[in-house]
């Protein structure tokens, strides 16, 4: 079952870039979409869609949390609140990277 959520994070683009670098070039298994957008207050919002909640949990345990911890130099302030989305239907597979 598709698993999706929105998460507002109190970080800027520089720290976000360090996290992404820490993830490495391999795709996260089960990730269908990761969209990062800038909020008006300067923070970032993630919109994530996964094949399943289990895929998401495994990716956080194995790759995402280690990359976040490294970017924060071990002083990560805790997990931001996640707003789970009740997915009715999902389709498409377009992934694009914004040019800097």
N, C-alpha and C. Protein backbone atom coordinates (compact mmCIF):
# COMPACT_ATOMS: atom_id res chain seq x y z
N UNK A 1 0.84 -1.17 0.00
CA UNK A 1 0.00 0.00 0.00
C UNK A 1 0.89 1.24 0.00
N UNK A 2 0.58 2.21 -0.82
CA UNK A 2 1.36 3.44 -0.92
C UNK A 2 1.30 4.19 0.41
N UNK A 3 2.46 4.71 0.81
CA UNK A 3 2.59 5.45 2.06
C UNK A 3 3.13 6.83 1.70
N UNK A 4 2.48 7.90 2.19
CA UNK A 4 2.91 9.25 1.85
C UNK A 4 2.78 10.17 3.06
N UNK A 5 3.62 11.20 3.07
CA UNK A 5 3.57 12.18 4.16
C UNK A 5 4.18 13.50 3.73
N UNK A 6 3.88 14.51 4.55
CA UNK A 6 4.49 15.84 4.44
C UNK A 6 5.23 16.08 5.75
N UNK A 7 6.41 16.66 5.66
CA UNK A 7 7.21 16.93 6.85
C UNK A 7 7.87 18.29 6.70
N UNK A 8 7.61 19.20 7.64
CA UNK A 8 8.28 20.50 7.66
C UNK A 8 9.52 20.38 8.52
N UNK A 9 10.66 20.81 7.98
CA UNK A 9 11.92 20.69 8.69
C UNK A 9 12.55 22.07 8.84
N UNK A 10 13.10 22.36 10.03
CA UNK A 10 13.66 23.68 10.30
C UNK A 10 15.12 23.79 9.87
N UNK A 11 15.38 23.46 8.61
CA UNK A 11 16.75 23.55 8.10
C UNK A 11 16.74 24.33 6.80
N UNK A 12 17.91 24.79 6.39
CA UNK A 12 18.06 25.50 5.12
C UNK A 12 18.63 24.59 4.06
N UNK A 13 18.83 25.17 2.90
CA UNK A 13 19.29 24.40 1.74
C UNK A 13 20.71 23.86 1.90
N UNK A 14 21.57 24.57 2.62
CA UNK A 14 22.95 24.10 2.79
C UNK A 14 22.99 22.80 3.57
N UNK A 15 22.28 22.75 4.69
CA UNK A 15 22.25 21.52 5.48
C UNK A 15 21.54 20.41 4.71
N UNK A 16 20.46 20.75 4.01
CA UNK A 16 19.75 19.77 3.19
C UNK A 16 20.70 19.15 2.16
N UNK A 17 21.53 19.97 1.53
CA UNK A 17 22.48 19.46 0.53
C UNK A 17 23.47 18.49 1.15
N UNK A 18 23.91 18.77 2.38
CA UNK A 18 24.83 17.85 3.07
C UNK A 18 24.15 16.50 3.34
N UNK A 19 22.86 16.56 3.71
CA UNK A 19 22.12 15.32 3.95
C UNK A 19 22.01 14.50 2.67
N UNK A 20 21.64 15.16 1.58
CA UNK A 20 21.50 14.48 0.29
C UNK A 20 22.83 13.87 -0.15
N UNK A 21 23.92 14.61 0.03
CA UNK A 21 25.25 14.06 -0.30
C UNK A 21 25.54 12.82 0.53
N UNK A 22 25.15 12.86 1.80
CA UNK A 22 25.39 11.73 2.70
C UNK A 22 24.60 10.49 2.33
N UNK A 23 23.49 10.67 1.62
CA UNK A 23 22.69 9.52 1.19
C UNK A 23 23.39 8.73 0.08
N UNK A 24 24.24 9.40 -0.66
CA UNK A 24 24.92 8.73 -1.77
C UNK A 24 24.06 8.70 -3.02
N UNK A 25 24.63 8.20 -4.11
CA UNK A 25 23.95 8.25 -5.40
C UNK A 25 22.89 7.17 -5.62
N UNK A 26 22.90 6.12 -4.81
CA UNK A 26 21.95 5.03 -5.03
C UNK A 26 20.55 5.47 -4.61
N UNK A 27 19.54 5.13 -5.41
CA UNK A 27 18.16 5.44 -5.03
C UNK A 27 17.78 4.73 -3.73
N UNK A 28 16.88 5.33 -2.98
CA UNK A 28 16.37 4.70 -1.77
C UNK A 28 15.33 3.66 -2.19
N UNK A 29 15.54 2.43 -1.78
CA UNK A 29 14.64 1.36 -2.17
C UNK A 29 13.22 1.65 -1.68
N UNK A 30 12.27 1.62 -2.59
CA UNK A 30 10.87 1.83 -2.23
C UNK A 30 10.41 3.28 -2.31
N UNK A 31 11.34 4.20 -2.53
CA UNK A 31 10.95 5.62 -2.64
C UNK A 31 10.39 5.88 -4.04
N UNK A 32 9.18 6.40 -4.08
CA UNK A 32 8.55 6.73 -5.36
C UNK A 32 8.73 8.21 -5.70
N UNK A 33 8.77 9.06 -4.66
CA UNK A 33 8.93 10.50 -4.88
C UNK A 33 9.44 11.15 -3.62
N UNK A 34 10.44 12.01 -3.76
CA UNK A 34 10.87 12.89 -2.67
C UNK A 34 10.91 14.29 -3.28
N UNK A 35 10.08 15.17 -2.78
CA UNK A 35 10.02 16.54 -3.26
C UNK A 35 10.36 17.45 -2.09
N UNK A 36 11.33 18.32 -2.28
CA UNK A 36 11.73 19.28 -1.24
C UNK A 36 11.41 20.67 -1.76
N UNK A 37 10.60 21.41 -1.00
CA UNK A 37 10.22 22.77 -1.40
C UNK A 37 10.55 23.75 -0.28
N UNK A 38 10.81 24.99 -0.66
CA UNK A 38 11.13 26.04 0.30
C UNK A 38 9.84 26.63 0.86
N UNK A 39 9.79 26.79 2.18
CA UNK A 39 8.65 27.43 2.83
C UNK A 39 8.90 28.92 2.95
N UNK A 40 7.86 29.69 3.16
CA UNK A 40 7.98 31.14 3.30
C UNK A 40 8.87 31.55 4.46
N UNK A 41 8.92 30.73 5.53
CA UNK A 41 9.72 31.07 6.71
C UNK A 41 11.19 30.69 6.56
N UNK A 42 11.59 30.17 5.39
CA UNK A 42 12.97 29.80 5.15
C UNK A 42 13.28 28.35 5.40
N UNK A 43 12.39 27.63 6.08
CA UNK A 43 12.58 26.20 6.29
C UNK A 43 12.21 25.44 5.03
N UNK A 44 12.26 24.14 5.13
CA UNK A 44 11.94 23.29 3.99
C UNK A 44 10.78 22.37 4.31
N UNK A 45 10.09 21.93 3.29
CA UNK A 45 9.00 20.96 3.41
C UNK A 45 9.32 19.79 2.49
N UNK A 46 9.22 18.59 3.05
CA UNK A 46 9.39 17.37 2.26
C UNK A 46 8.01 16.79 1.98
N UNK A 47 7.84 16.34 0.77
CA UNK A 47 6.66 15.57 0.39
C UNK A 47 7.20 14.25 -0.13
N UNK A 48 6.89 13.18 0.57
CA UNK A 48 7.46 11.88 0.24
C UNK A 48 6.36 10.86 -0.04
N UNK A 49 6.63 10.02 -1.04
CA UNK A 49 5.72 8.93 -1.39
C UNK A 49 6.57 7.66 -1.51
N UNK A 50 6.13 6.62 -0.81
CA UNK A 50 6.85 5.35 -0.74
C UNK A 50 5.95 4.20 -1.18
N UNK A 51 6.57 3.13 -1.61
CA UNK A 51 5.81 1.92 -1.95
C UNK A 51 5.04 1.40 -0.75
N UNK A 52 5.64 1.54 0.45
CA UNK A 52 5.00 1.07 1.67
C UNK A 52 5.63 1.75 2.87
N UNK A 53 4.95 1.69 4.00
CA UNK A 53 5.51 2.24 5.23
C UNK A 53 6.76 1.46 5.66
N UNK A 54 6.77 0.17 5.38
CA UNK A 54 7.94 -0.66 5.72
C UNK A 54 9.17 -0.21 4.93
N UNK A 55 9.02 0.10 3.64
CA UNK A 55 10.14 0.60 2.84
C UNK A 55 10.66 1.90 3.44
N UNK A 56 9.76 2.78 3.83
CA UNK A 56 10.14 4.07 4.41
C UNK A 56 10.91 3.85 5.71
N UNK A 57 10.39 3.02 6.59
CA UNK A 57 11.03 2.78 7.88
C UNK A 57 12.44 2.20 7.69
N UNK A 58 12.58 1.27 6.77
CA UNK A 58 13.88 0.66 6.50
C UNK A 58 14.87 1.71 5.97
N UNK A 59 14.42 2.57 5.06
CA UNK A 59 15.29 3.61 4.50
C UNK A 59 15.74 4.59 5.59
N UNK A 60 14.82 4.95 6.50
CA UNK A 60 15.20 5.84 7.59
C UNK A 60 16.24 5.18 8.48
N UNK A 61 16.04 3.93 8.80
CA UNK A 61 16.97 3.23 9.69
C UNK A 61 18.34 3.04 9.05
N UNK A 62 18.35 2.61 7.80
CA UNK A 62 19.60 2.23 7.16
C UNK A 62 20.35 3.38 6.50
N UNK A 63 19.64 4.40 5.98
CA UNK A 63 20.33 5.42 5.19
C UNK A 63 20.02 6.85 5.61
N UNK A 64 18.74 7.16 5.85
CA UNK A 64 18.38 8.57 6.09
C UNK A 64 18.88 9.06 7.44
N UNK A 65 18.57 8.36 8.52
CA UNK A 65 19.04 8.83 9.84
C UNK A 65 20.56 8.89 9.93
N UNK A 66 21.31 7.91 9.40
CA UNK A 66 22.78 8.07 9.43
C UNK A 66 23.26 9.30 8.66
N UNK A 67 22.64 9.61 7.52
CA UNK A 67 23.03 10.80 6.75
C UNK A 67 22.67 12.08 7.50
N UNK A 68 21.50 12.10 8.13
CA UNK A 68 21.08 13.27 8.90
C UNK A 68 22.00 13.46 10.11
N UNK A 69 22.29 12.38 10.82
CA UNK A 69 23.18 12.47 11.98
C UNK A 69 24.55 12.99 11.59
N UNK A 70 25.08 12.53 10.47
CA UNK A 70 26.39 13.00 10.00
C UNK A 70 26.33 14.49 9.65
N UNK A 71 25.26 14.92 8.99
CA UNK A 71 25.13 16.33 8.60
C UNK A 71 25.01 17.24 9.82
N UNK A 72 24.37 16.75 10.88
CA UNK A 72 24.21 17.51 12.12
C UNK A 72 25.39 17.29 13.07
N UNK A 73 26.38 16.54 12.63
CA UNK A 73 27.54 16.22 13.45
C UNK A 73 27.13 15.59 14.78
N UNK A 74 26.13 14.69 14.73
CA UNK A 74 25.72 13.96 15.92
C UNK A 74 24.79 14.72 16.85
N UNK A 75 24.44 15.95 16.54
CA UNK A 75 23.59 16.75 17.43
C UNK A 75 22.23 17.04 16.80
N UNK A 76 21.63 16.01 16.23
CA UNK A 76 20.32 16.17 15.59
C UNK A 76 19.29 16.54 16.65
N UNK A 77 18.46 17.57 16.38
CA UNK A 77 17.53 18.06 17.39
C UNK A 77 16.27 17.22 17.59
N UNK A 78 16.12 16.11 16.94
CA UNK A 78 14.92 15.30 17.08
C UNK A 78 14.16 15.24 15.77
N UNK A 79 13.17 14.40 15.74
CA UNK A 79 12.41 14.16 14.51
C UNK A 79 11.28 15.19 14.37
N UNK A 80 11.24 15.92 13.26
CA UNK A 80 10.12 16.84 13.03
C UNK A 80 8.80 16.07 12.88
N UNK A 81 7.72 16.75 13.12
CA UNK A 81 6.39 16.15 13.01
C UNK A 81 6.09 15.77 11.57
N UNK A 82 5.51 14.60 11.40
CA UNK A 82 5.11 14.11 10.08
C UNK A 82 3.59 14.17 9.98
N UNK A 83 3.11 14.73 8.87
CA UNK A 83 1.67 14.73 8.59
C UNK A 83 1.42 13.63 7.57
N UNK A 84 0.84 12.52 8.03
CA UNK A 84 0.55 11.40 7.14
C UNK A 84 -0.58 11.77 6.19
N UNK A 85 -0.48 11.30 4.97
CA UNK A 85 -1.49 11.57 3.96
C UNK A 85 -2.29 10.30 3.69
N UNK A 86 -3.59 10.44 3.59
CA UNK A 86 -4.48 9.32 3.31
C UNK A 86 -4.60 9.20 1.79
N UNK A 87 -3.75 8.37 1.20
CA UNK A 87 -3.66 8.27 -0.25
C UNK A 87 -4.86 7.51 -0.81
N UNK A 88 -5.54 8.14 -1.73
CA UNK A 88 -6.67 7.53 -2.42
C UNK A 88 -6.20 6.92 -3.74
N UNK A 89 -5.31 7.64 -4.43
CA UNK A 89 -4.84 7.19 -5.73
C UNK A 89 -3.50 7.86 -6.01
N UNK A 90 -2.60 7.14 -6.65
CA UNK A 90 -1.30 7.71 -7.04
C UNK A 90 -0.90 7.13 -8.38
N UNK A 91 -0.36 8.00 -9.25
CA UNK A 91 0.17 7.52 -10.52
C UNK A 91 1.22 8.49 -11.03
N UNK A 92 2.02 8.02 -11.97
CA UNK A 92 3.06 8.86 -12.57
C UNK A 92 4.43 8.48 -12.07
N UNK A 93 5.44 8.87 -12.82
CA UNK A 93 6.80 8.56 -12.42
C UNK A 93 7.79 9.56 -13.01
N UNK A 94 7.51 10.84 -12.88
CA UNK A 94 8.40 11.88 -13.39
C UNK A 94 9.23 12.42 -12.25
N UNK A 95 10.53 12.28 -12.37
CA UNK A 95 11.43 12.85 -11.38
C UNK A 95 12.35 13.82 -12.10
N UNK A 96 12.44 15.04 -11.60
CA UNK A 96 13.31 16.05 -12.19
C UNK A 96 14.13 16.70 -11.09
N UNK A 97 15.30 17.15 -11.46
CA UNK A 97 16.17 17.84 -10.51
C UNK A 97 16.24 19.29 -10.95
N UNK A 98 16.02 20.21 -10.03
CA UNK A 98 16.06 21.63 -10.33
C UNK A 98 17.52 22.05 -10.56
N UNK A 99 17.75 22.79 -11.61
CA UNK A 99 19.08 23.33 -11.85
C UNK A 99 19.35 24.44 -10.85
N UNK A 100 20.58 24.48 -10.35
CA UNK A 100 20.93 25.53 -9.37
C UNK A 100 21.18 26.83 -10.06
